[in-house]
Amino acid sequence: MSAMIDTPGSLLLTPHGDLVEIQLPADSDKRLTVMYAVLRCRFVDVVALTTRLDMWIDDEGMYTHVDDVNVPATLLARRHGFTHQPYYGPVLLTGGVDDEGDTVPVTRDGTHALLTALRDTTE
């Protein structure tokens, strides 16, 4: 059980390429509620892009966000070897998991690396 109230460092990546920092509660049930709200979905899935970067998506995104391909997220995933599909709707980026399997925040260095990777994929 974590003593943290919030886990800053999560980033919402919109289909338009906007990045918004999102506070995620340390409590996993509350964290899922926030994820459902910011991703506008009923079910989430995670794409582990690296050991330090997870991309949370709407599990039904290709049906619920059919006209909302997230080009930056798709390019980011392709950069990490996930070339089999486009991603739809907003996605939430976190820093992977700790030894107990709990979601950790994107670090300052990780955020800088992410922004650099996004810039490189869109240029």
PDB file of N, CA and C in Angstrom:
ATOM      1  N   MET A   1       0.843  -1.181   0.000  1.00  0.00           N
ATOM      2  CA  MET A   1       0.000   0.000   0.000  1.00  0.00           C
ATOM      3  C   MET A   1       0.883   1.237   0.000  1.00  0.00           C
ATOM      4  N   SER A   2       0.590   2.154  -0.880  1.00  0.00           N
ATOM      5  CA  SER A   2       1.406   3.344  -1.044  1.00  0.00           C
ATOM      6  C   SER A   2       0.944   4.447  -0.103  1.00  0.00           C
ATOM      7  N   ALA A   3       1.891   5.229   0.390  1.00  0.00           N
ATOM      8  CA  ALA A   3       1.560   6.365   1.236  1.00  0.00           C
ATOM      9  C   ALA A   3       1.282   7.606   0.404  1.00  0.00           C
ATOM     10  N   MET A   4       1.520   7.522  -0.891  1.00  0.00           N
ATOM     11  CA  MET A   4       1.304   8.691  -1.755  1.00  0.00           C
ATOM     12  C   MET A   4      -0.186   8.927  -1.959  1.00  0.00           C
ATOM     13  N   ILE A   5      -0.554  10.181  -2.017  1.00  0.00           N
ATOM     14  CA  ILE A   5      -1.939  10.541  -2.301  1.00  0.00           C
ATOM     15  C   ILE A   5      -2.144  10.591  -3.806  1.00  0.00           C
ATOM     16  N   ASP A   6      -1.257  11.240  -4.503  1.00  0.00           N
ATOM     17  CA  ASP A   6      -1.339  11.349  -5.950  1.00  0.00           C
ATOM     18  C   ASP A   6      -0.014  10.940  -6.571  1.00  0.00           C
ATOM     19  N   THR A   7      -0.090  10.476  -7.792  1.00  0.00           N
ATOM     20  CA  THR A   7       1.096  10.116  -8.550  1.00  0.00           C
ATOM     21  C   THR A   7       1.187  11.068  -9.732  1.00  0.00           C
ATOM     22  N   PRO A   8       1.879  12.208  -9.584  1.00  0.00           N
ATOM     23  CA  PRO A   8       1.999  13.119 -10.721  1.00  0.00           C
ATOM     24  C   PRO A   8       2.889  12.497 -11.784  1.00  0.00           C
ATOM     25  N   GLY A   9       2.841  13.028 -12.956  1.00  0.00           N
ATOM     26  CA  GLY A   9       3.733  12.555 -13.995  1.00  0.00           C
ATOM     27  C   GLY A   9       3.065  11.693 -15.032  1.00  0.00           C
ATOM     28  N   SER A  10       1.758  11.533 -14.971  1.00  0.00           N
ATOM     29  CA  SER A  10       1.027  10.848 -16.030  1.00  0.00           C
ATOM     30  C   SER A  10       0.674  11.886 -17.081  1.00  0.00           C
ATOM     31  N   LEU A  11       0.739  11.491 -18.334  1.00  0.00           N
ATOM     32  CA  LEU A  11       0.462  12.436 -19.405  1.00  0.00           C
ATOM     33  C   LEU A  11      -0.656  11.924 -20.291  1.00  0.00           C
ATOM     34  N   LEU A  12      -1.638  12.761 -20.512  1.00  0.00           N
ATOM     35  CA  LEU A  12      -2.708  12.467 -21.459  1.00  0.00           C
ATOM     36  C   LEU A  12      -2.267  12.999 -22.812  1.00  0.00           C
ATOM     37  N   LEU A  13      -2.240  12.121 -23.805  1.00  0.00           N
ATOM     38  CA  LEU A  13      -1.879  12.501 -25.169  1.00  0.00           C
ATOM     39  C   LEU A  13      -3.140  12.439 -26.017  1.00  0.00           C
ATOM     40  N   THR A  14      -3.580  13.600 -26.485  1.00  0.00           N
ATOM     41  CA  THR A  14      -4.810  13.666 -27.274  1.00  0.00           C
ATOM     42  C   THR A  14      -4.516  13.338 -28.738  1.00  0.00           C
ATOM     43  N   PRO A  15      -5.551  13.007 -29.504  1.00  0.00           N
ATOM     44  CA  PRO A  15      -5.365  12.765 -30.931  1.00  0.00           C
ATOM     45  C   PRO A  15      -4.803  13.974 -31.681  1.00  0.00           C
ATOM     46  N   HIS A  16      -4.938  15.168 -31.097  1.00  0.00           N
ATOM     47  CA  HIS A  16      -4.415  16.386 -31.726  1.00  0.00           C
ATOM     48  C   HIS A  16      -2.979  16.671 -31.316  1.00  0.00           C
ATOM     49  N   GLY A  17      -2.388  15.796 -30.481  1.00  0.00           N
ATOM     50  CA  GLY A  17      -0.999  15.965 -30.074  1.00  0.00           C
ATOM     51  C   GLY A  17      -0.793  16.786 -28.826  1.00  0.00           C
ATOM     52  N   ASP A  18      -1.873  17.174 -28.148  1.00  0.00           N
ATOM     53  CA  ASP A  18      -1.732  17.916 -26.904  1.00  0.00           C
ATOM     54  C   ASP A  18      -1.319  16.974 -25.786  1.00  0.00           C
ATOM     55  N   LEU A  19      -0.463  17.436 -24.893  1.00  0.00           N
ATOM     56  CA  LEU A  19      -0.057  16.688 -23.707  1.00  0.00           C
ATOM     57  C   LEU A  19      -0.567  17.427 -22.478  1.00  0.00           C
ATOM     58  N   VAL A  20      -1.273  16.697 -21.609  1.00  0.00           N
ATOM     59  CA  VAL A  20      -1.831  17.278 -20.397  1.00  0.00           C
ATOM     60  C   VAL A  20      -1.405  16.407 -19.224  1.00  0.00           C
ATOM     61  N   GLU A  21      -0.784  17.027 -18.204  1.00  0.00           N
ATOM     62  CA  GLU A  21      -0.415  16.249 -17.023  1.00  0.00           C
ATOM     63  C   GLU A  21      -1.675  15.888 -16.249  1.00  0.00           C
ATOM     64  N   ILE A  22      -1.755  14.633 -15.846  1.00  0.00           N
ATOM     65  CA  ILE A  22      -2.905  14.122 -15.104  1.00  0.00           C
ATOM     66  C   ILE A  22      -2.405  13.547 -13.781  1.00  0.00           C
ATOM     67  N   GLN A  23      -3.066  13.903 -12.701  1.00  0.00           N
ATOM     68  CA  GLN A  23      -2.766  13.332 -11.387  1.00  0.00           C
ATOM     69  C   GLN A  23      -3.527  12.013 -11.262  1.00  0.00           C
ATOM     70  N   LEU A  24      -2.819  10.942 -10.997  1.00  0.00           N
ATOM     71  CA  LEU A  24      -3.449   9.644 -10.800  1.00  0.00           C
ATOM     72  C   LEU A  24      -3.391   9.271  -9.320  1.00  0.00           C
ATOM     73  N   PRO A  25      -4.519   8.891  -8.744  1.00  0.00           N
ATOM     74  CA  PRO A  25      -4.505   8.452  -7.344  1.00  0.00           C
ATOM     75  C   PRO A  25      -3.647   7.204  -7.162  1.00  0.00           C
ATOM     76  N   ALA A  26      -3.027   7.079  -6.015  1.00  0.00           N
ATOM     77  CA  ALA A  26      -2.218   5.899  -5.706  1.00  0.00           C
ATOM     78  C   ALA A  26      -3.098   4.660  -5.554  1.00  0.00           C
ATOM     79  N   ASP A  27      -4.319   4.833  -5.061  1.00  0.00           N
ATOM     80  CA  ASP A  27      -5.255   3.716  -4.902  1.00  0.00           C
ATOM     81  C   ASP A  27      -5.669   3.198  -6.274  1.00  0.00           C
ATOM     82  N   SER A  28      -5.493   1.903  -6.522  1.00  0.00           N
ATOM     83  CA  SER A  28      -5.713   1.355  -7.868  1.00  0.00           C
ATOM     84  C   SER A  28      -7.163   1.476  -8.338  1.00  0.00           C
ATOM     85  N   ASP A  29      -8.149   1.312  -7.438  1.00  0.00           N
ATOM     86  CA  ASP A  29      -9.548   1.466  -7.860  1.00  0.00           C
ATOM     87  C   ASP A  29      -9.837   2.908  -8.275  1.00  0.00           C
ATOM     88  N   LYS A  30      -9.352   3.851  -7.491  1.00  0.00           N
ATOM     89  CA  LYS A  30      -9.553   5.267  -7.819  1.00  0.00           C
ATOM     90  C   LYS A  30      -8.778   5.633  -9.079  1.00  0.00           C
ATOM     91  N   ARG A  31      -7.587   5.033  -9.242  1.00  0.00           N
ATOM     92  CA  ARG A  31      -6.779   5.297 -10.433  1.00  0.00           C
ATOM     93  C   ARG A  31      -7.546   4.864 -11.685  1.00  0.00           C
ATOM     94  N   LEU A  32      -8.154   3.693 -11.639  1.00  0.00           N
ATOM     95  CA  LEU A  32      -8.937   3.220 -12.790  1.00  0.00           C
ATOM     96  C   LEU A  32     -10.098   4.150 -13.084  1.00  0.00           C
ATOM     97  N   THR A  33     -10.760   4.651 -12.050  1.00  0.00           N
ATOM     98  CA  THR A  33     -11.875   5.581 -12.256  1.00  0.00           C
ATOM     99  C   THR A  33     -11.398   6.829 -12.994  1.00  0.00           C
ATOM    100  N   VAL A  34     -10.240   7.353 -12.604  1.00  0.00           N
ATOM    101  CA  VAL A  34      -9.683   8.532 -13.286  1.00  0.00           C
ATOM    102  C   VAL A  34      -9.309   8.172 -14.724  1.00  0.00           C
ATOM    103  N   MET A  35      -8.691   7.012 -14.923  1.00  0.00           N
ATOM    104  CA  MET A  35      -8.335   6.587 -16.278  1.00  0.00           C
ATOM    105  C   MET A  35      -9.563   6.489 -17.169  1.00  0.00           C
ATOM    106  N   TYR A  36     -10.628   5.871 -16.665  1.00  0.00           N
ATOM    107  CA  TYR A  36     -11.863   5.764 -17.450  1.00  0.00           C
ATOM    108  C   TYR A  36     -12.375   7.149 -17.838  1.00  0.00           C
ATOM    109  N   ALA A  37     -12.294   8.088 -16.904  1.00  0.00           N
ATOM    110  CA  ALA A  37     -12.811   9.438 -17.169  1.00  0.00           C
ATOM    111  C   ALA A  37     -11.966  10.170 -18.207  1.00  0.00           C
ATOM    112  N   VAL A  38     -10.641  10.160 -18.058  1.00  0.00           N
ATOM    113  CA  VAL A  38      -9.813  10.937 -18.976  1.00  0.00           C
ATOM    114  C   VAL A  38      -9.710  10.285 -20.352  1.00  0.00           C
ATOM    115  N   LEU A  39      -9.844   8.959 -20.408  1.00  0.00           N
ATOM    116  CA  LEU A  39      -9.817   8.285 -21.708  1.00  0.00           C
ATOM    117  C   LEU A  39     -11.205   8.166 -22.330  1.00  0.00           C
ATOM    118  N   ARG A  40     -12.224   8.568 -21.568  1.00  0.00           N
ATOM    119  CA  ARG A  40     -13.624   8.509 -22.033  1.00  0.00           C
ATOM    120  C   ARG A  40     -13.970   7.084 -22.481  1.00  0.00           C
ATOM    121  N   CYS A  41     -13.793   6.139 -21.539  1.00  0.00           N
ATOM    122  CA  CYS A  41     -14.001   4.743 -21.906  1.00  0.00           C
ATOM    123  C   CYS A  41     -14.567   3.933 -20.746  1.00  0.00           C
ATOM    124  N   ARG A  42     -14.929   2.675 -21.064  1.00  0.00           N
ATOM    125  CA  ARG A  42     -15.420   1.732 -20.059  1.00  0.00           C
ATOM    126  C   ARG A  42     -14.362   0.707 -19.671  1.00  0.00           C
ATOM    127  N   PHE A  43     -13.421   0.443 -20.579  1.00  0.00           N
ATOM    128  CA  PHE A  43     -12.391  -0.560 -20.350  1.00  0.00           C
ATOM    129  C   PHE A  43     -11.044  -0.012 -20.824  1.00  0.00           C
ATOM    130  N   VAL A  44      -9.997  -0.261 -20.045  1.00  0.00           N
ATOM    131  CA  VAL A  44      -8.663   0.161 -20.453  1.00  0.00           C
ATOM    132  C   VAL A  44      -7.798  -1.060 -20.731  1.00  0.00           C
ATOM    133  N   ASP A  45      -6.798  -0.832 -21.526  1.00  0.00           N
ATOM    134  CA  ASP A  45      -5.775  -1.832 -21.782  1.00  0.00           C
ATOM    135  C   ASP A  45      -4.450  -1.092 -21.758  1.00  0.00           C
ATOM    136  N   VAL A  46      -3.385  -1.813 -21.551  1.00  0.00           N
ATOM    137  CA  VAL A  46      -2.075  -1.171 -21.489  1.00  0.00           C
ATOM    138  C   VAL A  46      -1.167  -1.766 -22.556  1.00  0.00           C
ATOM    139  N   VAL A  47      -0.417  -0.883 -23.198  1.00  0.00           N
ATOM    140  CA  VAL A  47       0.616  -1.279 -24.151  1.00  0.00           C
ATOM    141  C   VAL A  47       1.935  -0.892 -23.496  1.00  0.00           C
ATOM    142  N   ALA A  48       2.732  -1.879 -23.120  1.00  0.00           N
ATOM    143  CA  ALA A  48       4.027  -1.618 -22.486  1.00  0.00           C
ATOM    144  C   ALA A  48       5.030  -1.301 -23.587  1.00  0.00           C
ATOM    145  N   LEU A  49       5.224  -0.010 -23.849  1.00  0.00           N
ATOM    146  CA  LEU A  49       6.126   0.412 -24.914  1.00  0.00           C
ATOM    147  C   LEU A  49       7.580   0.090 -24.568  1.00  0.00           C
ATOM    148  N   THR A  50       7.951   0.316 -23.311  1.00  0.00           N
ATOM    149  CA  THR A  50       9.278  -0.047 -22.790  1.00  0.00           C
ATOM    150  C   THR A  50       9.065  -0.466 -21.340  1.00  0.00           C
ATOM    151  N   THR A  51      10.130  -0.814 -20.651  1.00  0.00           N
ATOM    152  CA  THR A  51       9.994  -1.153 -19.235  1.00  0.00           C
ATOM    153  C   THR A  51       9.701   0.078 -18.384  1.00  0.00           C
ATOM    154  N   ARG A  52       9.899   1.270 -18.953  1.00  0.00           N
ATOM    155  CA  ARG A  52       9.664   2.512 -18.210  1.00  0.00           C
ATOM    156  C   ARG A  52       8.608   3.402 -18.840  1.00  0.00           C
ATOM    157  N   LEU A  53       7.853   2.865 -19.803  1.00  0.00           N
ATOM    158  CA  LEU A  53       6.828   3.669 -20.452  1.00  0.00           C
ATOM    159  C   LEU A  53       5.658   2.789 -20.876  1.00  0.00           C
ATOM    160  N   ASP A  54       4.503   3.041 -20.251  1.00  0.00           N
ATOM    161  CA  ASP A  54       3.262   2.350 -20.605  1.00  0.00           C
ATOM    162  C   ASP A  54       2.306   3.328 -21.257  1.00  0.00           C
ATOM    163  N   MET A  55       1.549   2.824 -22.227  1.00  0.00           N
ATOM    164  CA  MET A  55       0.528   3.624 -22.893  1.00  0.00           C
ATOM    165  C   MET A  55      -0.822   2.959 -22.619  1.00  0.00           C
ATOM    166  N   TRP A  56      -1.669   3.649 -21.875  1.00  0.00           N
ATOM    167  CA  TRP A  56      -2.999   3.158 -21.538  1.00  0.00           C
ATOM    168  C   TRP A  56      -3.979   3.637 -22.592  1.00  0.00           C
ATOM    169  N   ILE A  57      -4.800   2.708 -23.098  1.00  0.00           N
ATOM    170  CA  ILE A  57      -5.714   3.013 -24.195  1.00  0.00           C
ATOM    171  C   ILE A  57      -7.128   2.558 -23.854  1.00  0.00           C
ATOM    172  N   ASP A  58      -8.087   3.094 -24.570  1.00  0.00           N
ATOM    173  CA  ASP A  58      -9.461   2.613 -24.523  1.00  0.00           C
ATOM    174  C   ASP A  58      -9.472   1.263 -25.227  1.00  0.00           C
ATOM    175  N   ASP A  59      -9.827   0.204 -24.502  1.00  0.00           N
ATOM    176  CA  ASP A  59      -9.814  -1.139 -25.061  1.00  0.00           C
ATOM    177  C   ASP A  59     -10.789  -1.281 -26.233  1.00  0.00           C
ATOM    178  N   GLU A  60     -11.792  -0.425 -26.279  1.00  0.00           N
ATOM    179  CA  GLU A  60     -12.767  -0.447 -27.374  1.00  0.00           C
ATOM    180  C   GLU A  60     -12.582   0.749 -28.304  1.00  0.00           C
ATOM    181  N   GLY A  61     -11.423   1.389 -28.252  1.00  0.00           N
ATOM    182  CA  GLY A  61     -11.180   2.639 -28.959  1.00  0.00           C
ATOM    183  C   GLY A  61     -11.452   2.603 -30.445  1.00  0.00           C
ATOM    184  N   MET A  62     -11.125   1.495 -31.110  1.00  0.00           N
ATOM    185  CA  MET A  62     -11.357   1.456 -32.561  1.00  0.00           C
ATOM    186  C   MET A  62     -12.842   1.456 -32.899  1.00  0.00           C
ATOM    187  N   TYR A  63     -13.687   1.192 -31.899  1.00  0.00           N
ATOM    188  CA  TYR A  63     -15.141   1.227 -32.118  1.00  0.00           C
ATOM    189  C   TYR A  63     -15.767   2.495 -31.551  1.00  0.00           C
ATOM    190  N   THR A  64     -15.254   2.958 -30.395  1.00  0.00           N
ATOM    191  CA  THR A  64     -15.868   4.115 -29.739  1.00  0.00           C
ATOM    192  C   THR A  64     -15.282   5.449 -30.186  1.00  0.00           C
ATOM    193  N   HIS A  65     -14.070   5.423 -30.732  1.00  0.00           N
ATOM    194  CA  HIS A  65     -13.414   6.644 -31.217  1.00  0.00           C
ATOM    195  C   HIS A  65     -13.052   6.468 -32.692  1.00  0.00           C
ATOM    196  N   VAL A  66     -13.946   5.872 -33.443  1.00  0.00           N
ATOM    197  CA  VAL A  66     -13.668   5.441 -34.814  1.00  0.00           C
ATOM    198  C   VAL A  66     -13.130   6.565 -35.706  1.00  0.00           C
ATOM    199  N   ASP A  67     -13.554   7.796 -35.489  1.00  0.00           N
ATOM    200  CA  ASP A  67     -13.093   8.917 -36.317  1.00  0.00           C
ATOM    201  C   ASP A  67     -11.978   9.712 -35.637  1.00  0.00           C
ATOM    202  N   ASP A  68     -11.347   9.126 -34.633  1.00  0.00           N
ATOM    203  CA  ASP A  68     -10.407   9.855 -33.801  1.00  0.00           C
ATOM    204  C   ASP A  68      -9.077   9.105 -33.679  1.00  0.00           C
ATOM    205  N   VAL A  69      -8.424   8.810 -34.821  1.00  0.00           N
ATOM    206  CA  VAL A  69      -7.123   8.143 -34.777  1.00  0.00           C
ATOM    207  C   VAL A  69      -6.136   9.055 -34.065  1.00  0.00           C
ATOM    208  N   ASN A  70      -5.422   8.498 -33.103  1.00  0.00           N
ATOM    209  CA  ASN A  70      -4.418   9.264 -32.376  1.00  0.00           C
ATOM    210  C   ASN A  70      -3.085   9.051 -33.092  1.00  0.00           C
ATOM    211  N   VAL A  71      -2.823   9.930 -34.051  1.00  0.00           N
ATOM    212  CA  VAL A  71      -1.614   9.800 -34.872  1.00  0.00           C
ATOM    213  C   VAL A  71      -0.338   9.879 -34.028  1.00  0.00           C
ATOM    214  N   PRO A  72      -0.216  10.847 -33.100  1.00  0.00           N
ATOM    215  CA  PRO A  72       1.017  10.871 -32.296  1.00  0.00           C
ATOM    216  C   PRO A  72       1.220   9.589 -31.488  1.00  0.00           C
ATOM    217  N   ALA A  73       0.161   9.054 -30.883  1.00  0.00           N
ATOM    218  CA  ALA A  73       0.280   7.811 -30.111  1.00  0.00           C
ATOM    219  C   ALA A  73       0.630   6.638 -31.013  1.00  0.00           C
ATOM    220  N   THR A  74       0.042   6.595 -32.197  1.00  0.00           N
ATOM    221  CA  THR A  74       0.342   5.526 -33.153  1.00  0.00           C
ATOM    222  C   THR A  74       1.801   5.595 -33.587  1.00  0.00           C
ATOM    223  N   LEU A  75       2.293   6.808 -33.862  1.00  0.00           N
ATOM    224  CA  LEU A  75       3.692   6.974 -34.247  1.00  0.00           C
ATOM    225  C   LEU A  75       4.633   6.601 -33.104  1.00  0.00           C
ATOM    226  N   LEU A  76       4.265   6.978 -31.884  1.00  0.00           N
ATOM    227  CA  LEU A  76       5.080   6.633 -30.719  1.00  0.00           C
ATOM    228  C   LEU A  76       5.138   5.116 -30.552  1.00  0.00           C
ATOM    229  N   ALA A  77       4.005   4.455 -30.687  1.00  0.00           N
ATOM    230  CA  ALA A  77       3.972   2.997 -30.564  1.00  0.00           C
ATOM    231  C   ALA A  77       4.801   2.337 -31.665  1.00  0.00           C
ATOM    232  N   ARG A  78       4.687   2.840 -32.877  1.00  0.00           N
ATOM    233  CA  ARG A  78       5.470   2.283 -33.985  1.00  0.00           C
ATOM    234  C   ARG A  78       6.961   2.454 -33.758  1.00  0.00           C
ATOM    235  N   ARG A  79       7.325   3.585 -33.173  1.00  0.00           N
ATOM    236  CA  ARG A  79       8.739   3.834 -32.864  1.00  0.00           C
ATOM    237  C   ARG A  79       9.285   2.782 -31.902  1.00  0.00           C
ATOM    238  N   HIS A  80       8.397   2.205 -31.093  1.00  0.00           N
ATOM    239  CA  HIS A  80       8.791   1.176 -30.123  1.00  0.00           C
ATOM    240  C   HIS A  80       8.447  -0.233 -30.614  1.00  0.00           C
ATOM    241  N   GLY A  81       8.166  -0.384 -31.911  1.00  0.00           N
ATOM    242  CA  GLY A  81       7.971  -1.712 -32.489  1.00  0.00           C
ATOM    243  C   GLY A  81       6.545  -2.206 -32.567  1.00  0.00           C
ATOM    244  N   PHE A  82       5.582  -1.398 -32.147  1.00  0.00           N
ATOM    245  CA  PHE A  82       4.172  -1.804 -32.207  1.00  0.00           C
ATOM    246  C   PHE A  82       3.572  -1.281 -33.510  1.00  0.00           C
ATOM    247  N   THR A  83       3.726  -2.062 -34.578  1.00  0.00           N
ATOM    248  CA  THR A  83       3.370  -1.609 -35.919  1.00  0.00           C
ATOM    249  C   THR A  83       2.080  -2.213 -36.446  1.00  0.00           C
ATOM    250  N   HIS A  84       1.404  -3.019 -35.651  1.00  0.00           N
ATOM    251  CA  HIS A  84       0.273  -3.792 -36.158  1.00  0.00           C
ATOM    252  C   HIS A  84      -1.062  -3.062 -36.194  1.00  0.00           C
ATOM    253  N   GLN A  85      -1.179  -1.875 -35.590  1.00  0.00           N
ATOM    254  CA  GLN A  85      -2.477  -1.196 -35.584  1.00  0.00           C
ATOM    255  C   GLN A  85      -2.326   0.282 -35.268  1.00  0.00           C
ATOM    256  N   PRO A  86      -3.299   1.077 -35.698  1.00  0.00           N
ATOM    257  CA  PRO A  86      -3.370   2.459 -35.217  1.00  0.00           C
ATOM    258  C   PRO A  86      -4.073   2.476 -33.854  1.00  0.00           C
ATOM    259  N   TYR A  87      -3.878   3.548 -33.114  1.00  0.00           N
ATOM    260  CA  TYR A  87      -4.538   3.708 -31.813  1.00  0.00           C
ATOM    261  C   TYR A  87      -5.524   4.857 -31.917  1.00  0.00           C
ATOM    262  N   TYR A  88      -6.646   4.715 -31.216  1.00  0.00           N
ATOM    263  CA  TYR A  88      -7.758   5.657 -31.338  1.00  0.00           C
ATOM    264  C   TYR A  88      -8.042   6.344 -30.013  1.00  0.00           C
ATOM    265  N   GLY A  89      -8.472   7.607 -30.121  1.00  0.00           N
ATOM    266  CA  GLY A  89      -8.857   8.368 -28.939  1.00  0.00           C
ATOM    267  C   GLY A  89      -7.658   8.793 -28.117  1.00  0.00           C
ATOM    268  N   PRO A  90      -7.924   9.413 -26.981  1.00  0.00           N
ATOM    269  CA  PRO A  90      -6.825   9.842 -26.119  1.00  0.00           C
ATOM    270  C   PRO A  90      -6.129   8.629 -25.505  1.00  0.00           C
ATOM    271  N   VAL A  91      -4.860   8.782 -25.173  1.00  0.00           N
ATOM    272  CA  VAL A  91      -4.109   7.743 -24.469  1.00  0.00           C
ATOM    273  C   VAL A  91      -3.457   8.378 -23.252  1.00  0.00           C
ATOM    274  N   LEU A  92      -3.170   7.545 -22.262  1.00  0.00           N
ATOM    275  CA  LEU A  92      -2.537   8.013 -21.046  1.00  0.00           C
ATOM    276  C   LEU A  92      -1.186   7.329 -20.923  1.00  0.00           C
ATOM    277  N   LEU A  93      -0.153   8.118 -20.703  1.00  0.00           N
ATOM    278  CA  LEU A  93       1.206   7.598 -20.614  1.00  0.00           C
ATOM    279  C   LEU A  93       1.671   7.611 -19.163  1.00  0.00           C
ATOM    280  N   THR A  94       2.162   6.471 -18.708  1.00  0.00           N
ATOM    281  CA  THR A  94       2.703   6.356 -17.360  1.00  0.00           C
ATOM    282  C   THR A  94       4.099   5.747 -17.453  1.00  0.00           C
ATOM    283  N   GLY A  95       4.767   5.658 -16.322  1.00  0.00           N
ATOM    284  CA  GLY A  95       6.155   5.230 -16.311  1.00  0.00           C
ATOM    285  C   GLY A  95       6.407   3.754 -16.133  1.00  0.00           C
ATOM    286  N   GLY A  96       5.511   2.910 -16.524  1.00  0.00           N
ATOM    287  CA  GLY A  96       5.726   1.479 -16.352  1.00  0.00           C
ATOM    288  C   GLY A  96       5.242   1.018 -14.997  1.00  0.00           C
ATOM    289  N   VAL A  97       5.847  -0.061 -14.485  1.00  0.00           N
ATOM    290  CA  VAL A  97       5.429  -0.613 -13.200  1.00  0.00           C
ATOM    291  C   VAL A  97       6.640  -0.839 -12.302  1.00  0.00           C
ATOM    292  N   ASP A  98       6.381  -0.867 -10.994  1.00  0.00           N
ATOM    293  CA  ASP A  98       7.450  -1.154 -10.042  1.00  0.00           C
ATOM    294  C   ASP A  98       7.537  -2.669  -9.816  1.00  0.00           C
ATOM    295  N   ASP A  99       8.363  -3.075  -8.858  1.00  0.00           N
ATOM    296  CA  ASP A  99       8.575  -4.501  -8.596  1.00  0.00           C
ATOM    297  C   ASP A  99       7.315  -5.221  -8.130  1.00  0.00           C
ATOM    298  N   GLU A 100       6.351  -4.479  -7.596  1.00  0.00           N
ATOM    299  CA  GLU A 100       5.108  -5.069  -7.124  1.00  0.00           C
ATOM    300  C   GLU A 100       3.999  -5.010  -8.178  1.00  0.00           C
ATOM    301  N   GLY A 101       4.322  -4.471  -9.348  1.00  0.00           N
ATOM    302  CA  GLY A 101       3.342  -4.374 -10.421  1.00  0.00           C
ATOM    303  C   GLY A 101       2.465  -3.145 -10.377  1.00  0.00           C
ATOM    304  N   ASP A 102       2.796  -2.186  -9.500  1.00  0.00           N
ATOM    305  CA  ASP A 102       2.023  -0.953  -9.399  1.00  0.00           C
ATOM    306  C   ASP A 102       2.513   0.064 -10.435  1.00  0.00           C
ATOM    307  N   THR A 103       1.578   0.809 -10.997  1.00  0.00           N
ATOM    308  CA  THR A 103       1.899   1.851 -11.970  1.00  0.00           C
ATOM    309  C   THR A 103       2.734   2.935 -11.307  1.00  0.00           C
ATOM    310  N   VAL A 104       3.779   3.363 -12.004  1.00  0.00           N
ATOM    311  CA  VAL A 104       4.630   4.441 -11.498  1.00  0.00           C
ATOM    312  C   VAL A 104       4.527   5.639 -12.438  1.00  0.00           C
ATOM    313  N   PRO A 105       4.872   6.828 -11.928  1.00  0.00           N
ATOM    314  CA  PRO A 105       4.761   8.019 -12.762  1.00  0.00           C
ATOM    315  C   PRO A 105       5.836   8.078 -13.841  1.00  0.00           C
ATOM    316  N   VAL A 106       5.550   8.842 -14.860  1.00  0.00           N
ATOM    317  CA  VAL A 106       6.569   9.175 -15.847  1.00  0.00           C
ATOM    318  C   VAL A 106       7.525  10.127 -15.146  1.00  0.00           C
ATOM    319  N   THR A 107       8.803   9.860 -15.226  1.00  0.00           N
ATOM    320  CA  THR A 107       9.797  10.718 -14.572  1.00  0.00           C
ATOM    321  C   THR A 107      10.050  11.965 -15.408  1.00  0.00           C
ATOM    322  N   ARG A 108      10.711  12.932 -14.805  1.00  0.00           N
ATOM    323  CA  ARG A 108      11.057  14.155 -15.532  1.00  0.00           C
ATOM    324  C   ARG A 108      11.908  13.809 -16.759  1.00  0.00           C
ATOM    325  N   ASP A 109      12.909  12.931 -16.568  1.00  0.00           N
ATOM    326  CA  ASP A 109      13.741  12.507 -17.703  1.00  0.00           C
ATOM    327  C   ASP A 109      12.921  11.732 -18.725  1.00  0.00           C
ATOM    328  N   GLY A 110      12.005  10.891 -18.223  1.00  0.00           N
ATOM    329  CA  GLY A 110      11.146  10.129 -19.120  1.00  0.00           C
ATOM    330  C   GLY A 110      10.228  11.036 -19.921  1.00  0.00           C
ATOM    331  N   THR A 111       9.743  12.090 -19.270  1.00  0.00           N
ATOM    332  CA  THR A 111       8.877  13.045 -19.965  1.00  0.00           C
ATOM    333  C   THR A 111       9.659  13.757 -21.062  1.00  0.00           C
ATOM    334  N   HIS A 112      10.881  14.170 -20.750  1.00  0.00           N
ATOM    335  CA  HIS A 112      11.724  14.824 -21.752  1.00  0.00           C
ATOM    336  C   HIS A 112      11.986  13.873 -22.922  1.00  0.00           C
ATOM    337  N   ALA A 113      12.312  12.622 -22.629  1.00  0.00           N
ATOM    338  CA  ALA A 113      12.550  11.624 -23.682  1.00  0.00           C
ATOM    339  C   ALA A 113      11.290  11.411 -24.511  1.00  0.00           C
ATOM    340  N   LEU A 114      10.139  11.372 -23.849  1.00  0.00           N
ATOM    341  CA  LEU A 114       8.872  11.192 -24.560  1.00  0.00           C
ATOM    342  C   LEU A 114       8.616  12.351 -25.508  1.00  0.00           C
ATOM    343  N   LEU A 115       8.797  13.577 -25.028  1.00  0.00           N
ATOM    344  CA  LEU A 115       8.568  14.753 -25.868  1.00  0.00           C
ATOM    345  C   LEU A 115       9.523  14.756 -27.064  1.00  0.00           C
ATOM    346  N   THR A 116      10.760  14.363 -26.830  1.00  0.00           N
ATOM    347  CA  THR A 116      11.732  14.282 -27.920  1.00  0.00           C
ATOM    348  C   THR A 116      11.301  13.226 -28.935  1.00  0.00           C
ATOM    349  N   ALA A 117      10.875  12.067 -28.450  1.00  0.00           N
ATOM    350  CA  ALA A 117      10.429  10.992 -29.345  1.00  0.00           C
ATOM    351  C   ALA A 117       9.214  11.427 -30.148  1.00  0.00           C
ATOM    352  N   LEU A 118       8.277  12.126 -29.509  1.00  0.00           N
ATOM    353  CA  LEU A 118       7.087  12.598 -30.227  1.00  0.00           C
ATOM    354  C   LEU A 118       7.468  13.606 -31.288  1.00  0.00           C
ATOM    355  N   ARG A 119       8.377  14.521 -30.953  1.00  0.00           N
ATOM    356  CA  ARG A 119       8.811  15.514 -31.928  1.00  0.00           C
ATOM    357  C   ARG A 119       9.491  14.827 -33.118  1.00  0.00           C
ATOM    358  N   ASP A 120      10.330  13.840 -32.822  1.00  0.00           N
ATOM    359  CA  ASP A 120      11.049  13.127 -33.881  1.00  0.00           C
ATOM    360  C   ASP A 120      10.104  12.343 -34.795  1.00  0.00           C
ATOM    361  N   THR A 121       9.006  11.804 -34.226  1.00  0.00           N
ATOM    362  CA  THR A 121       8.092  11.008 -35.055  1.00  0.00           C
ATOM    363  C   THR A 121       7.175  11.880 -35.884  1.00  0.00           C
ATOM    364  N   THR A 122       6.972  13.140 -35.491  1.00  0.00           N
ATOM    365  CA  THR A 122       6.066  13.991 -36.233  1.00  0.00           C
ATOM    366  C   THR A 122       6.778  14.928 -37.200  1.00  0.00           C
ATOM    367  N   GLU A 123       8.105  14.918 -37.181  1.00  0.00           N
ATOM    368  CA  GLU A 123       8.848  15.810 -38.105  1.00  0.00           C
ATOM    369  C   GLU A 123       9.137  15.117 -39.415  1.00  0.00           C
TER     370      GLU A 123
END
